[in-house]
PDB file of N, CA and C in Angstrom:
ATOM      1  N   MET A   1       0.192  -1.454  -0.060  1.00  0.00           N
ATOM      2  CA  MET A   1       0.240  -0.232  -0.142  1.00  0.00           C
ATOM      3  C   MET A   1       0.765   1.214  -0.158  1.00  0.00           C
ATOM      4  N   ALA A   2       0.324   2.349  -0.694  1.00  0.00           N
ATOM      5  CA  ALA A   2       0.803   3.314  -0.931  1.00  0.00           C
ATOM      6  C   ALA A   2       0.531   4.330  -1.114  1.00  0.00           C
ATOM      7  N   GLU A   3       0.070   5.751  -0.637  1.00  0.00           N
ATOM      8  CA  GLU A   3      -0.133   7.100  -0.900  1.00  0.00           C
ATOM      9  C   GLU A   3       0.377   7.576  -2.373  1.00  0.00           C
ATOM     10  N   HIS A   4      -0.170   8.143  -2.472  1.00  0.00           N
ATOM     11  CA  HIS A   4       0.525   9.257  -3.768  1.00  0.00           C
ATOM     12  C   HIS A   4      -0.393  10.766  -4.206  1.00  0.00           C
ATOM     13  N   THR A   5       0.116  11.570  -4.641  1.00  0.00           N
ATOM     14  CA  THR A   5      -0.894  12.808  -4.757  1.00  0.00           C
ATOM     15  C   THR A   5       0.182  13.838  -5.884  1.00  0.00           C
ATOM     16  N   PHE A   6      -0.298  13.764  -6.912  1.00  0.00           N
ATOM     17  CA  PHE A   6       0.041  14.167  -8.279  1.00  0.00           C
ATOM     18  C   PHE A   6      -0.306  15.871  -7.911  1.00  0.00           C
ATOM     19  N   ASP A   7       0.449  15.980  -9.100  1.00  0.00           N
ATOM     20  CA  ASP A   7       0.754  17.691  -8.612  1.00  0.00           C
ATOM     21  C   ASP A   7       0.577  18.309  -9.885  1.00  0.00           C
ATOM     22  N   ASN A   8       0.802  19.965 -10.429  1.00  0.00           N
ATOM     23  CA  ASN A   8       0.956  20.796 -10.947  1.00  0.00           C
ATOM     24  C   ASN A   8       2.111  19.659 -11.833  1.00  0.00           C
ATOM     25  N   ARG A   9       2.870  19.391 -11.963  1.00  0.00           N
ATOM     26  CA  ARG A   9       4.036  18.550 -12.680  1.00  0.00           C
ATOM     27  C   ARG A   9       3.179  17.456 -13.555  1.00  0.00           C
ATOM     28  N   HIS A  10       1.821  17.480 -13.506  1.00  0.00           N
ATOM     29  CA  HIS A  10       1.352  15.706 -14.029  1.00  0.00           C
ATOM     30  C   HIS A  10       0.181  16.040 -14.367  1.00  0.00           C
ATOM     31  N   ILE A  11      -0.403  17.714 -14.767  1.00  0.00           N
ATOM     32  CA  ILE A  11      -1.496  18.105 -15.350  1.00  0.00           C
ATOM     33  C   ILE A  11      -1.224  17.650 -17.202  1.00  0.00           C
ATOM     34  N   GLY A  12      -3.083  17.155 -17.294  1.00  0.00           N
ATOM     35  CA  GLY A  12      -3.397  16.635 -18.722  1.00  0.00           C
ATOM     36  C   GLY A  12      -4.513  17.176 -18.913  1.00  0.00           C
ATOM     37  N   ALA A  13      -4.842  18.150 -17.972  1.00  0.00           N
ATOM     38  CA  ALA A  13      -5.809  19.117 -18.869  1.00  0.00           C
ATOM     39  C   ALA A  13      -6.583  19.635 -17.686  1.00  0.00           C
ATOM     40  N   PRO A  14      -6.765  20.748 -17.048  1.00  0.00           N
ATOM     41  CA  PRO A  14      -6.856  21.768 -16.097  1.00  0.00           C
ATOM     42  C   PRO A  14      -7.419  20.674 -14.955  1.00  0.00           C
ATOM     43  N   GLY A  15      -6.769  20.310 -13.739  1.00  0.00           N
ATOM     44  CA  GLY A  15      -7.159  19.949 -12.716  1.00  0.00           C
ATOM     45  C   GLY A  15      -6.740  18.618 -12.606  1.00  0.00           C
ATOM     46  N   ILE A  16      -6.713  17.682 -13.845  1.00  0.00           N
ATOM     47  CA  ILE A  16      -6.533  16.376 -14.360  1.00  0.00           C
ATOM     48  C   ILE A  16      -5.044  15.951 -14.315  1.00  0.00           C
ATOM     49  N   THR A  17      -4.925  14.665 -13.688  1.00  0.00           N
ATOM     50  CA  THR A  17      -3.732  14.023 -13.933  1.00  0.00           C
ATOM     51  C   THR A  17      -3.267  13.454 -15.436  1.00  0.00           C
ATOM     52  N   HIS A  18      -2.231  13.597 -15.733  1.00  0.00           N
ATOM     53  CA  HIS A  18      -2.184  12.749 -17.037  1.00  0.00           C
ATOM     54  C   HIS A  18      -2.139  11.496 -17.483  1.00  0.00           C
ATOM     55  N   GLY A  19      -2.968  10.608 -17.862  1.00  0.00           N
ATOM     56  CA  GLY A  19      -2.775   9.556 -17.914  1.00  0.00           C
ATOM     57  C   GLY A  19      -1.746   8.936 -18.036  1.00  0.00           C
ATOM     58  N   GLY A  20      -0.069   8.872 -18.389  1.00  0.00           N
ATOM     59  CA  GLY A  20       0.562   8.577 -18.435  1.00  0.00           C
ATOM     60  C   GLY A  20       1.209   8.521 -17.382  1.00  0.00           C
ATOM     61  N   ALA A  21       1.339   9.703 -16.509  1.00  0.00           N
ATOM     62  CA  ALA A  21       1.715  10.357 -15.121  1.00  0.00           C
ATOM     63  C   ALA A  21       1.275   9.099 -14.351  1.00  0.00           C
ATOM     64  N   VAL A  22       0.057   8.708 -14.470  1.00  0.00           N
ATOM     65  CA  VAL A  22      -0.612   7.737 -13.364  1.00  0.00           C
ATOM     66  C   VAL A  22      -0.156   6.328 -13.622  1.00  0.00           C
ATOM     67  N   ALA A  23      -0.278   5.983 -14.627  1.00  0.00           N
ATOM     68  CA  ALA A  23       0.624   4.829 -15.679  1.00  0.00           C
ATOM     69  C   ALA A  23       1.866   4.164 -14.744  1.00  0.00           C
ATOM     70  N   THR A  24       3.084   5.678 -15.022  1.00  0.00           N
ATOM     71  CA  THR A  24       4.098   5.375 -14.308  1.00  0.00           C
ATOM     72  C   THR A  24       3.905   5.393 -12.658  1.00  0.00           C
ATOM     73  N   VAL A  25       2.967   5.950 -12.651  1.00  0.00           N
ATOM     74  CA  VAL A  25       3.036   5.709 -10.605  1.00  0.00           C
ATOM     75  C   VAL A  25       2.753   4.733 -10.674  1.00  0.00           C
ATOM     76  N   ILE A  26       1.849   3.756 -11.408  1.00  0.00           N
ATOM     77  CA  ILE A  26       1.345   2.703 -10.483  1.00  0.00           C
ATOM     78  C   ILE A  26       2.461   1.411 -11.336  1.00  0.00           C
ATOM     79  N   ASP A  27       3.399   2.159 -12.112  1.00  0.00           N
ATOM     80  CA  ASP A  27       4.319   0.660 -12.710  1.00  0.00           C
ATOM     81  C   ASP A  27       5.515   0.818 -11.873  1.00  0.00           C
ATOM     82  N   ASP A  28       6.255   2.331 -10.981  1.00  0.00           N
ATOM     83  CA  ASP A  28       6.939   1.855  -9.850  1.00  0.00           C
ATOM     84  C   ASP A  28       6.133   1.474  -9.031  1.00  0.00           C
ATOM     85  N   LEU A  29       4.901   1.770  -8.461  1.00  0.00           N
ATOM     86  CA  LEU A  29       4.365   0.251  -7.049  1.00  0.00           C
ATOM     87  C   LEU A  29       4.580  -0.952  -7.598  1.00  0.00           C
ATOM     88  N   TYR A  30       4.411  -1.248  -8.864  1.00  0.00           N
ATOM     89  CA  TYR A  30       4.545  -3.022  -9.041  1.00  0.00           C
ATOM     90  C   TYR A  30       5.780  -3.032  -8.939  1.00  0.00           C
ATOM     91  N   GLY A  31       7.073  -2.179  -8.911  1.00  0.00           N
ATOM     92  CA  GLY A  31       8.334  -2.305  -9.051  1.00  0.00           C
ATOM     93  C   GLY A  31       8.704  -2.260  -7.527  1.00  0.00           C
ATOM     94  N   PHE A  32       8.156  -1.252  -6.254  1.00  0.00           N
ATOM     95  CA  PHE A  32       8.262  -1.444  -5.168  1.00  0.00           C
ATOM     96  C   PHE A  32       7.648  -2.721  -4.707  1.00  0.00           C
ATOM     97  N   LEU A  33       6.503  -3.285  -4.913  1.00  0.00           N
ATOM     98  CA  LEU A  33       6.270  -4.815  -4.491  1.00  0.00           C
ATOM     99  C   LEU A  33       7.269  -5.389  -5.024  1.00  0.00           C
ATOM    100  N   LEU A  34       7.500  -5.835  -6.143  1.00  0.00           N
ATOM    101  CA  LEU A  34       8.545  -6.806  -6.391  1.00  0.00           C
ATOM    102  C   LEU A  34       9.775  -6.853  -5.171  1.00  0.00           C
ATOM    103  N   CYS A  35      10.419  -5.878  -5.101  1.00  0.00           N
ATOM    104  CA  CYS A  35      11.748  -5.730  -3.898  1.00  0.00           C
ATOM    105  C   CYS A  35      11.311  -6.062  -3.096  1.00  0.00           C
ATOM    106  N   LEU A  36       9.731  -6.033  -2.214  1.00  0.00           N
ATOM    107  CA  LEU A  36       9.502  -6.453  -1.167  1.00  0.00           C
ATOM    108  C   LEU A  36       9.285  -7.972  -1.556  1.00  0.00           C
ATOM    109  N   VAL A  37       8.983  -8.710  -2.409  1.00  0.00           N
ATOM    110  CA  VAL A  37       8.650  -9.735  -2.488  1.00  0.00           C
ATOM    111  C   VAL A  37       9.701 -10.486  -2.768  1.00  0.00           C
ATOM    112  N   GLY A  38      11.171  -9.938  -3.860  1.00  0.00           N
ATOM    113  CA  GLY A  38      12.300  -9.936  -3.316  1.00  0.00           C
ATOM    114  C   GLY A  38      12.771 -11.096  -4.932  1.00  0.00           C
ATOM    115  N   THR A  39      11.763 -10.524  -6.071  1.00  0.00           N
ATOM    116  CA  THR A  39      11.378 -11.542  -6.782  1.00  0.00           C
ATOM    117  C   THR A  39      12.150  -9.894  -8.272  1.00  0.00           C
ATOM    118  N   PRO A  40      13.524 -10.263  -8.559  1.00  0.00           N
ATOM    119  CA  PRO A  40      13.753  -8.860  -9.948  1.00  0.00           C
ATOM    120  C   PRO A  40      12.891  -9.069 -11.184  1.00  0.00           C
ATOM    121  N   ALA A  41      12.242  -8.227 -11.463  1.00  0.00           N
ATOM    122  CA  ALA A  41      11.730  -8.186 -12.957  1.00  0.00           C
ATOM    123  C   ALA A  41      11.314  -6.825 -13.631  1.00  0.00           C
ATOM    124  N   VAL A  42      11.063  -7.616 -14.460  1.00  0.00           N
ATOM    125  CA  VAL A  42      10.261  -6.375 -15.498  1.00  0.00           C
ATOM    126  C   VAL A  42       9.565  -6.469 -16.161  1.00  0.00           C
ATOM    127  N   THR A  43       8.593  -4.796 -16.519  1.00  0.00           N
ATOM    128  CA  THR A  43       7.647  -4.944 -17.373  1.00  0.00           C
ATOM    129  C   THR A  43       7.064  -5.436 -18.403  1.00  0.00           C
ATOM    130  N   ARG A  44       6.649  -6.640 -18.509  1.00  0.00           N
ATOM    131  CA  ARG A  44       6.348  -7.140 -19.838  1.00  0.00           C
ATOM    132  C   ARG A  44       4.729  -6.150 -20.719  1.00  0.00           C
ATOM    133  N   GLN A  45       3.938  -6.426 -19.610  1.00  0.00           N
ATOM    134  CA  GLN A  45       2.072  -5.380 -20.687  1.00  0.00           C
ATOM    135  C   GLN A  45       1.792  -4.880 -19.143  1.00  0.00           C
ATOM    136  N   LEU A  46       1.368  -3.738 -19.601  1.00  0.00           N
ATOM    137  CA  LEU A  46       0.648  -2.736 -18.286  1.00  0.00           C
ATOM    138  C   LEU A  46      -0.115  -2.255 -18.606  1.00  0.00           C
ATOM    139  N   THR A  47      -1.593  -2.397 -18.194  1.00  0.00           N
ATOM    140  CA  THR A  47      -2.749  -1.797 -18.506  1.00  0.00           C
ATOM    141  C   THR A  47      -3.339  -0.881 -17.557  1.00  0.00           C
ATOM    142  N   VAL A  48      -4.121  -0.469 -17.676  1.00  0.00           N
ATOM    143  CA  VAL A  48      -4.660   0.798 -16.757  1.00  0.00           C
ATOM    144  C   VAL A  48      -6.202   0.965 -17.402  1.00  0.00           C
ATOM    145  N   ASP A  49      -7.463   1.118 -16.027  1.00  0.00           N
ATOM    146  CA  ASP A  49      -8.085   0.688 -16.834  1.00  0.00           C
ATOM    147  C   ASP A  49      -8.740   2.397 -15.906  1.00  0.00           C
ATOM    148  N   TYR A  50      -9.034   3.104 -16.538  1.00  0.00           N
ATOM    149  CA  TYR A  50      -9.030   4.817 -16.017  1.00  0.00           C
ATOM    150  C   TYR A  50     -10.543   5.425 -15.447  1.00  0.00           C
ATOM    151  N   ARG A  51     -11.123   4.530 -14.492  1.00  0.00           N
ATOM    152  CA  ARG A  51     -12.767   4.847 -14.296  1.00  0.00           C
ATOM    153  C   ARG A  51     -12.941   6.293 -13.922  1.00  0.00           C
ATOM    154  N   ALA A  52     -12.222   6.628 -13.415  1.00  0.00           N
ATOM    155  CA  ALA A  52     -12.494   8.461 -12.506  1.00  0.00           C
ATOM    156  C   ALA A  52     -11.583   9.854 -12.906  1.00  0.00           C
ATOM    157  N   PRO A  53     -11.953  10.936 -13.172  1.00  0.00           N
ATOM    158  CA  PRO A  53     -10.457  11.694 -13.140  1.00  0.00           C
ATOM    159  C   PRO A  53      -9.558  11.126 -11.957  1.00  0.00           C
ATOM    160  N   VAL A  54      -8.550  11.600 -12.161  1.00  0.00           N
ATOM    161  CA  VAL A  54      -7.185  11.527 -11.645  1.00  0.00           C
ATOM    162  C   VAL A  54      -7.121  13.419 -10.618  1.00  0.00           C
ATOM    163  N   LEU A  55      -7.833  13.236  -9.796  1.00  0.00           N
ATOM    164  CA  LEU A  55      -7.387  14.947  -9.519  1.00  0.00           C
ATOM    165  C   LEU A  55      -6.380  15.511  -9.168  1.00  0.00           C
ATOM    166  N   ILE A  56      -5.602  16.330  -9.097  1.00  0.00           N
ATOM    167  CA  ILE A  56      -4.401  16.921  -9.136  1.00  0.00           C
ATOM    168  C   ILE A  56      -4.747  17.744  -7.564  1.00  0.00           C
ATOM    169  N   GLY A  57      -3.394  17.708  -6.472  1.00  0.00           N
ATOM    170  CA  GLY A  57      -3.665  17.640  -5.080  1.00  0.00           C
ATOM    171  C   GLY A  57      -4.942  17.110  -4.220  1.00  0.00           C
ATOM    172  N   VAL A  58      -5.941  15.929  -5.217  1.00  0.00           N
ATOM    173  CA  VAL A  58      -5.826  14.953  -4.465  1.00  0.00           C
ATOM    174  C   VAL A  58      -4.911  13.568  -3.234  1.00  0.00           C
ATOM    175  N   PRO A  59      -4.378  13.388  -2.518  1.00  0.00           N
ATOM    176  CA  PRO A  59      -4.117  12.033  -1.830  1.00  0.00           C
ATOM    177  C   PRO A  59      -4.689  10.523  -2.368  1.00  0.00           C
ATOM    178  N   TYR A  60      -4.196   9.721  -3.178  1.00  0.00           N
ATOM    179  CA  TYR A  60      -5.180   8.680  -3.549  1.00  0.00           C
ATOM    180  C   TYR A  60      -4.429   7.295  -2.866  1.00  0.00           C
ATOM    181  N   ARG A  61      -5.158   6.809  -2.267  1.00  0.00           N
ATOM    182  CA  ARG A  61      -4.384   4.974  -1.604  1.00  0.00           C
ATOM    183  C   ARG A  61      -4.064   3.946  -2.870  1.00  0.00           C
ATOM    184  N   MET A  62      -2.627   3.907  -2.886  1.00  0.00           N
ATOM    185  CA  MET A  62      -2.764   2.651  -3.967  1.00  0.00           C
ATOM    186  C   MET A  62      -2.486   1.133  -3.036  1.00  0.00           C
ATOM    187  N   GLU A  63      -2.363   0.266  -3.899  1.00  0.00           N
ATOM    188  CA  GLU A  63      -2.618  -1.391  -3.762  1.00  0.00           C
ATOM    189  C   GLU A  63      -2.388  -1.852  -4.566  1.00  0.00           C
ATOM    190  N   ALA A  64      -1.006  -2.995  -4.179  1.00  0.00           N
ATOM    191  CA  ALA A  64      -1.016  -3.390  -5.167  1.00  0.00           C
ATOM    192  C   ALA A  64      -0.540  -4.936  -4.483  1.00  0.00           C
ATOM    193  N   ARG A  65      -0.606  -6.416  -5.672  1.00  0.00           N
ATOM    194  CA  ARG A  65      -0.253  -7.709  -5.179  1.00  0.00           C
ATOM    195  C   ARG A  65      -0.239  -8.084  -6.512  1.00  0.00           C
ATOM    196  N   VAL A  66       0.554  -9.403  -6.104  1.00  0.00           N
ATOM    197  CA  VAL A  66       0.801 -10.315  -7.095  1.00  0.00           C
ATOM    198  C   VAL A  66      -0.819 -11.321  -7.406  1.00  0.00           C
ATOM    199  N   THR A  67      -0.792 -11.265  -8.267  1.00  0.00           N
ATOM    200  CA  THR A  67      -1.992 -12.567  -8.306  1.00  0.00           C
ATOM    201  C   THR A  67      -1.982 -14.127  -8.716  1.00  0.00           C
ATOM    202  N   ASN A  68      -0.959 -14.129  -9.470  1.00  0.00           N
ATOM    203  CA  ASN A  68      -0.477 -15.210 -10.371  1.00  0.00           C
ATOM    204  C   ASN A  68       1.184 -15.268 -10.667  1.00  0.00           C
ATOM    205  N   GLN A  69       1.800 -16.823 -10.803  1.00  0.00           N
ATOM    206  CA  GLN A  69       3.089 -17.026 -11.239  1.00  0.00           C
ATOM    207  C   GLN A  69       2.720 -18.620 -11.519  1.00  0.00           C
ATOM    208  N   GLU A  70       3.939 -18.091 -13.279  1.00  0.00           N
ATOM    209  CA  GLU A  70       3.535 -19.064 -14.454  1.00  0.00           C
ATOM    210  C   GLU A  70       4.966 -19.111 -14.880  1.00  0.00           C
ATOM    211  N   GLY A  71       5.676 -19.906 -14.078  1.00  0.00           N
ATOM    212  CA  GLY A  71       7.093 -19.728 -15.130  1.00  0.00           C
ATOM    213  C   GLY A  71       7.770 -18.339 -14.197  1.00  0.00           C
ATOM    214  N   ARG A  72       8.503 -17.386 -15.300  1.00  0.00           N
ATOM    215  CA  ARG A  72       9.128 -16.610 -15.018  1.00  0.00           C
ATOM    216  C   ARG A  72       7.590 -15.485 -15.200  1.00  0.00           C
ATOM    217  N   LYS A  73       6.499 -15.906 -15.849  1.00  0.00           N
ATOM    218  CA  LYS A  73       5.856 -14.771 -16.063  1.00  0.00           C
ATOM    219  C   LYS A  73       5.119 -14.401 -14.430  1.00  0.00           C
ATOM    220  N   LEU A  74       4.931 -13.312 -13.843  1.00  0.00           N
ATOM    221  CA  LEU A  74       4.580 -12.347 -12.744  1.00  0.00           C
ATOM    222  C   LEU A  74       3.838 -11.726 -13.035  1.00  0.00           C
ATOM    223  N   PHE A  75       2.504 -12.068 -12.821  1.00  0.00           N
ATOM    224  CA  PHE A  75       0.432 -11.818 -12.784  1.00  0.00           C
ATOM    225  C   PHE A  75       0.453 -10.358 -11.736  1.00  0.00           C
ATOM    226  N   LEU A  76       0.145  -9.660 -12.159  1.00  0.00           N
ATOM    227  CA  LEU A  76      -0.051  -8.317 -10.633  1.00  0.00           C
ATOM    228  C   LEU A  76      -1.445  -7.851 -11.114  1.00  0.00           C
ATOM    229  N   ALA A  77      -1.947  -6.838  -9.986  1.00  0.00           N
ATOM    230  CA  ALA A  77      -3.276  -6.172 -10.215  1.00  0.00           C
ATOM    231  C   ALA A  77      -2.932  -5.208  -9.092  1.00  0.00           C
ATOM    232  N   ALA A  78      -3.369  -3.719  -9.539  1.00  0.00           N
ATOM    233  CA  ALA A  78      -3.363  -2.328  -8.129  1.00  0.00           C
ATOM    234  C   ALA A  78      -4.827  -1.958  -8.305  1.00  0.00           C
ATOM    235  N   SER A  79      -5.284  -1.489  -7.676  1.00  0.00           N
ATOM    236  CA  SER A  79      -6.362  -0.592  -7.758  1.00  0.00           C
ATOM    237  C   SER A  79      -5.524   0.720  -7.142  1.00  0.00           C
ATOM    238  N   LEU A  80      -6.197   1.950  -7.358  1.00  0.00           N
ATOM    239  CA  LEU A  80      -6.513   3.050  -7.096  1.00  0.00           C
ATOM    240  C   LEU A  80      -7.620   4.174  -6.455  1.00  0.00           C
ATOM    241  N   THR A  81      -7.847   4.968  -5.178  1.00  0.00           N
ATOM    242  CA  THR A  81      -8.514   4.849  -4.983  1.00  0.00           C
ATOM    243  C   THR A  81      -9.038   6.503  -3.861  1.00  0.00           C
ATOM    244  N   ASP A  82      -9.739   7.420  -3.598  1.00  0.00           N
ATOM    245  CA  ASP A  82      -9.674   8.221  -3.345  1.00  0.00           C
ATOM    246  C   ASP A  82      -9.594   8.272  -1.671  1.00  0.00           C
ATOM    247  N   ARG A  83      -9.831   9.564  -0.989  1.00  0.00           N
ATOM    248  CA  ARG A  83      -9.980   9.325   0.332  1.00  0.00           C
ATOM    249  C   ARG A  83     -11.832   8.948   1.326  1.00  0.00           C
ATOM    250  N   ASP A  84     -11.950   8.349   0.083  1.00  0.00           N
ATOM    251  CA  ASP A  84     -14.156   8.440  -0.010  1.00  0.00           C
ATOM    252  C   ASP A  84     -13.642   6.736  -0.369  1.00  0.00           C
ATOM    253  N   GLY A  85     -12.420   6.082  -0.872  1.00  0.00           N
ATOM    254  CA  GLY A  85     -12.825   4.767  -0.475  1.00  0.00           C
ATOM    255  C   GLY A  85     -13.128   4.589  -2.393  1.00  0.00           C
ATOM    256  N   SER A  86     -13.709   5.751  -3.162  1.00  0.00           N
ATOM    257  CA  SER A  86     -14.356   5.394  -4.674  1.00  0.00           C
ATOM    258  C   SER A  86     -13.234   5.297  -5.147  1.00  0.00           C
ATOM    259  N   LEU A  87     -13.211   3.809  -5.386  1.00  0.00           N
ATOM    260  CA  LEU A  87     -12.222   3.303  -6.847  1.00  0.00           C
ATOM    261  C   LEU A  87     -11.941   4.330  -7.754  1.00  0.00           C
ATOM    262  N   VAL A  88     -10.801   4.662  -8.431  1.00  0.00           N
ATOM    263  CA  VAL A  88     -10.513   5.664  -9.605  1.00  0.00           C
ATOM    264  C   VAL A  88      -9.896   4.799 -10.600  1.00  0.00           C
ATOM    265  N   GLY A  89      -9.413   4.355 -10.229  1.00  0.00           N
ATOM    266  CA  GLY A  89      -8.441   3.605 -11.576  1.00  0.00           C
ATOM    267  C   GLY A  89      -8.000   2.205 -11.134  1.00  0.00           C
ATOM    268  N   THR A  90      -7.561   0.820 -11.761  1.00  0.00           N
ATOM    269  CA  THR A  90      -7.359  -0.725 -11.749  1.00  0.00           C
ATOM    270  C   THR A  90      -6.341  -0.727 -12.254  1.00  0.00           C
ATOM    271  N   SER A  91      -5.601  -1.767 -12.583  1.00  0.00           N
ATOM    272  CA  SER A  91      -4.659  -1.813 -13.661  1.00  0.00           C
ATOM    273  C   SER A  91      -3.954  -2.903 -12.946  1.00  0.00           C
ATOM    274  N   THR A  92      -4.009  -3.889 -14.621  1.00  0.00           N
ATOM    275  CA  THR A  92      -3.364  -5.234 -14.413  1.00  0.00           C
ATOM    276  C   THR A  92      -1.981  -5.100 -15.362  1.00  0.00           C
ATOM    277  N   ALA A  93      -0.859  -6.476 -14.944  1.00  0.00           N
ATOM    278  CA  ALA A  93       0.232  -6.349 -15.467  1.00  0.00           C
ATOM    279  C   ALA A  93       0.962  -7.771 -15.131  1.00  0.00           C
ATOM    280  N   VAL A  94       1.635  -7.770 -15.837  1.00  0.00           N
ATOM    281  CA  VAL A  94       2.289  -9.244 -16.641  1.00  0.00           C
ATOM    282  C   VAL A  94       3.868  -8.768 -16.631  1.00  0.00           C
ATOM    283  N   PHE A  95       4.998  -8.987 -15.671  1.00  0.00           N
ATOM    284  CA  PHE A  95       5.965  -8.784 -15.132  1.00  0.00           C
ATOM    285  C   PHE A  95       6.755  -9.975 -15.751  1.00  0.00           C
ATOM    286  N   LEU A  96       8.477 -10.065 -16.266  1.00  0.00           N
ATOM    287  CA  LEU A  96       8.698 -10.683 -16.039  1.00  0.00           C
ATOM    288  C   LEU A  96       9.885 -11.321 -14.889  1.00  0.00           C
ATOM    289  N   THR A  97      10.277 -12.575 -15.049  1.00  0.00           N
ATOM    290  CA  THR A  97      11.260 -12.191 -14.012  1.00  0.00           C
ATOM    291  C   THR A  97      12.387 -12.312 -14.684  1.00  0.00           C
ATOM    292  N   VAL A  98      14.155 -11.978 -13.939  1.00  0.00           N
ATOM    293  CA  VAL A  98      14.929 -12.152 -14.278  1.00  0.00           C
ATOM    294  C   VAL A  98      15.979 -12.022 -13.654  1.00  0.00           C
ATOM    295  N   GLY A  99      17.251 -12.146 -14.335  1.00  0.00           N
ATOM    296  CA  GLY A  99      18.833 -12.263 -12.823  1.00  0.00           C
ATOM    297  C   GLY A  99      18.959 -10.548 -13.148  1.00  0.00           C
ATOM    298  N   VAL A 100      19.326 -10.704 -11.335  1.00  0.00           N
ATOM    299  CA  VAL A 100      20.465  -9.207 -11.284  1.00  0.00           C
ATOM    300  C   VAL A 100      21.086  -8.331 -12.480  1.00  0.00           C
ATOM    301  N   ASP A 101      21.556  -9.413 -12.949  1.00  0.00           N
ATOM    302  CA  ASP A 101      22.991  -8.784 -14.100  1.00  0.00           C
ATOM    303  C   ASP A 101      21.865  -8.178 -15.233  1.00  0.00           C
ATOM    304  N   HIS A 102      20.423  -8.777 -16.198  1.00  0.00           N
ATOM    305  CA  HIS A 102      19.939  -7.577 -15.970  1.00  0.00           C
ATOM    306  C   HIS A 102      20.245  -5.964 -16.408  1.00  0.00           C
ATOM    307  N   PHE A 103      19.910  -5.682 -15.043  1.00  0.00           N
ATOM    308  CA  PHE A 103      19.895  -4.094 -15.011  1.00  0.00           C
ATOM    309  C   PHE A 103      21.367  -3.502 -14.488  1.00  0.00           C
ATOM    310  N   THR A 104      22.440  -4.378 -14.766  1.00  0.00           N
ATOM    311  CA  THR A 104      23.436  -4.212 -14.893  1.00  0.00           C
ATOM    312  C   THR A 104      24.232  -3.612 -16.352  1.00  0.00           C
ATOM    313  N   ARG A 105      23.782  -3.862 -17.919  1.00  0.00           N
ATOM    314  CA  ARG A 105      23.671  -3.900 -18.681  1.00  0.00           C
ATOM    315  C   ARG A 105      23.891  -3.007 -19.534  1.00  0.00           C
ATOM    316  N   GLY A 106      23.365  -2.250 -18.690  1.00  0.00           N
ATOM    317  CA  GLY A 106      23.461  -0.856 -19.121  1.00  0.00           C
ATOM    318  C   GLY A 106      24.770   0.438 -19.256  1.00  0.00           C
ATOM    319  N   THR A 107      25.120  -0.230 -17.525  1.00  0.00           N
ATOM    320  CA  THR A 107      26.455   0.555 -17.479  1.00  0.00           C
ATOM    321  C   THR A 107      27.481   0.276 -17.914  1.00  0.00           C
ATOM    322  N   GLN A 108      27.918  -0.590 -18.508  1.00  0.00           N
ATOM    323  CA  GLN A 108      29.036  -0.862 -19.145  1.00  0.00           C
ATOM    324  C   GLN A 108      29.219  -0.323 -20.299  1.00  0.00           C
TER     325      GLN A 108
END
């Protein structure tokens, strides 16, 4: 679980967060979940269902979980709710587990 408040750097329309910023924060949430699980993995597929506008300056609660694993594929799901508990977005994703060396390839 995490909380996030989008600010004026994330505006897509007046008072509303750009969908790409929402997707980025959800992808980061999944990354932190995988750190907690202890499984290095990379995003293969990310889907976001925008159910209501995500407003600038409003704190949102974000939750993510692993729903299944098939070999190297990890299936994840997330939700984004406002302070009243109203669901404003959901997401599903597929991540592929990788070795730690995957993350050092670009530094050589």
